[in-house]
Amino acid sequence: MFNATRTQRLFFFNLASFSLLGIWLSGFDQVHWFSYVIPAALYFAAATGFCLGRLVSGTGLAVFGIRD
């Protein structure tokens, strides 16, 4: 069901890594706690291949009758 390809998984991993790099450069104690949710979701998508964003967007499009 919404399995990501290898290229997408690498992209998710790199995006999460750069997000954490930005958090690290800002200071872990300076950023809001919600800033950690996006890298966590991206690392989850990179590890499992299941992308929550694709699930949400696919469900939202289906509500409006748009198919992939």
C-alpha atoms as a PDB file:
ATOM      1  CA  MET A   1       0.000   0.000   0.000  1.00  0.00           C
ATOM      2  CA  PHE A   2       1.989   3.321  -0.298  1.00  0.00           C
ATOM      3  CA  ASN A   3       5.376   1.633  -0.444  1.00  0.00           C
ATOM      4  CA  ALA A   4       8.189   4.039  -1.214  1.00  0.00           C
ATOM      5  CA  THR A   5      10.860   3.248  -3.777  1.00  0.00           C
ATOM      6  CA  ARG A   6      14.549   3.122  -2.864  1.00  0.00           C
ATOM      7  CA  THR A   7      15.065   6.587  -4.294  1.00  0.00           C
ATOM      8  CA  GLN A   8      12.233   8.019  -2.210  1.00  0.00           C
ATOM      9  CA  ARG A   9      13.529   6.298   0.910  1.00  0.00           C
ATOM     10  CA  LEU A  10      16.989   7.800   0.369  1.00  0.00           C
ATOM     11  CA  PHE A  11      15.375  11.207  -0.129  1.00  0.00           C
ATOM     12  CA  PHE A  12      13.422  10.819   3.137  1.00  0.00           C
ATOM     13  CA  PHE A  13      16.617   9.853   4.969  1.00  0.00           C
ATOM     14  CA  ASN A  14      18.574  12.806   3.584  1.00  0.00           C
ATOM     15  CA  LEU A  15      15.760  15.260   4.300  1.00  0.00           C
ATOM     16  CA  ALA A  16      15.467  14.029   7.890  1.00  0.00           C
ATOM     17  CA  SER A  17      19.243  14.238   8.345  1.00  0.00           C
ATOM     18  CA  PHE A  18      19.384  17.825   7.081  1.00  0.00           C
ATOM     19  CA  SER A  19      16.430  18.744   9.309  1.00  0.00           C
ATOM     20  CA  LEU A  20      18.248  17.361  12.336  1.00  0.00           C
ATOM     21  CA  LEU A  21      21.398  19.177  11.261  1.00  0.00           C
ATOM     22  CA  GLY A  22      19.421  22.427  11.264  1.00  0.00           C
ATOM     23  CA  ILE A  23      18.018  21.629  14.705  1.00  0.00           C
ATOM     24  CA  TRP A  24      21.524  20.850  15.964  1.00  0.00           C
ATOM     25  CA  LEU A  25      22.923  24.092  14.554  1.00  0.00           C
ATOM     26  CA  SER A  26      20.078  26.043  16.175  1.00  0.00           C
ATOM     27  CA  GLY A  27      20.574  24.275  19.475  1.00  0.00           C
ATOM     28  CA  PHE A  28      18.569  21.328  20.720  1.00  0.00           C
ATOM     29  CA  ASP A  29      17.266  23.333  23.667  1.00  0.00           C
ATOM     30  CA  GLN A  30      16.219  26.311  21.492  1.00  0.00           C
ATOM     31  CA  VAL A  31      13.791  24.644  19.076  1.00  0.00           C
ATOM     32  CA  HIS A  32      10.183  23.727  19.758  1.00  0.00           C
ATOM     33  CA  TRP A  33       9.461  20.072  20.495  1.00  0.00           C
ATOM     34  CA  PHE A  34       7.285  19.754  17.384  1.00  0.00           C
ATOM     35  CA  SER A  35      10.386  20.297  15.224  1.00  0.00           C
ATOM     36  CA  TYR A  36      11.407  16.724  16.050  1.00  0.00           C
ATOM     37  CA  VAL A  37       8.182  15.203  14.672  1.00  0.00           C
ATOM     38  CA  ILE A  38       9.041  15.762  10.997  1.00  0.00           C
ATOM     39  CA  PRO A  39      12.491  14.086  11.108  1.00  0.00           C
ATOM     40  CA  ALA A  40      11.035  11.219  13.145  1.00  0.00           C
ATOM     41  CA  ALA A  41       8.289  10.651  10.547  1.00  0.00           C
ATOM     42  CA  LEU A  42      10.829  10.872   7.720  1.00  0.00           C
ATOM     43  CA  TYR A  43      13.198   8.386   9.392  1.00  0.00           C
ATOM     44  CA  PHE A  44      10.220   6.070   9.905  1.00  0.00           C
ATOM     45  CA  ALA A  45       9.362   6.374   6.198  1.00  0.00           C
ATOM     46  CA  ALA A  46      12.983   5.748   5.218  1.00  0.00           C
ATOM     47  CA  ALA A  47      13.267   2.669   7.422  1.00  0.00           C
ATOM     48  CA  THR A  48       9.934   1.028   6.620  1.00  0.00           C
ATOM     49  CA  GLY A  49       8.995   2.434   3.214  1.00  0.00           C
ATOM     50  CA  PHE A  50       5.578   3.431   4.556  1.00  0.00           C
ATOM     51  CA  CYS A  51       5.128   7.166   4.036  1.00  0.00           C
ATOM     52  CA  LEU A  52       2.479   8.800   6.201  1.00  0.00           C
ATOM     53  CA  GLY A  53       2.386  11.863   3.944  1.00  0.00           C
ATOM     54  CA  ARG A  54       1.454   9.757   0.935  1.00  0.00           C
ATOM     55  CA  LEU A  55      -1.307   8.119   2.971  1.00  0.00           C
ATOM     56  CA  VAL A  56      -2.748  11.463   4.064  1.00  0.00           C
ATOM     57  CA  SER A  57      -2.532  13.014   0.601  1.00  0.00           C
ATOM     58  CA  GLY A  58      -4.031   9.921  -1.043  1.00  0.00           C
ATOM     59  CA  THR A  59      -6.924   9.915   1.413  1.00  0.00           C
ATOM     60  CA  GLY A  60      -7.471  13.637   0.912  1.00  0.00           C
ATOM     61  CA  LEU A  61      -7.546  13.250  -2.864  1.00  0.00           C
ATOM     62  CA  ALA A  62      -9.947  10.322  -2.614  1.00  0.00           C
ATOM     63  CA  VAL A  63     -12.385  12.494  -0.677  1.00  0.00           C
ATOM     64  CA  PHE A  64     -12.549  14.816  -3.678  1.00  0.00           C
ATOM     65  CA  GLY A  65     -12.860  11.926  -6.135  1.00  0.00           C
ATOM     66  CA  ILE A  66      -9.340  12.250  -7.543  1.00  0.00           C
ATOM     67  CA  ARG A  67      -7.560   8.947  -8.112  1.00  0.00           C
ATOM     68  CA  ASP A  68      -3.805   8.361  -8.392  1.00  0.00           C
END
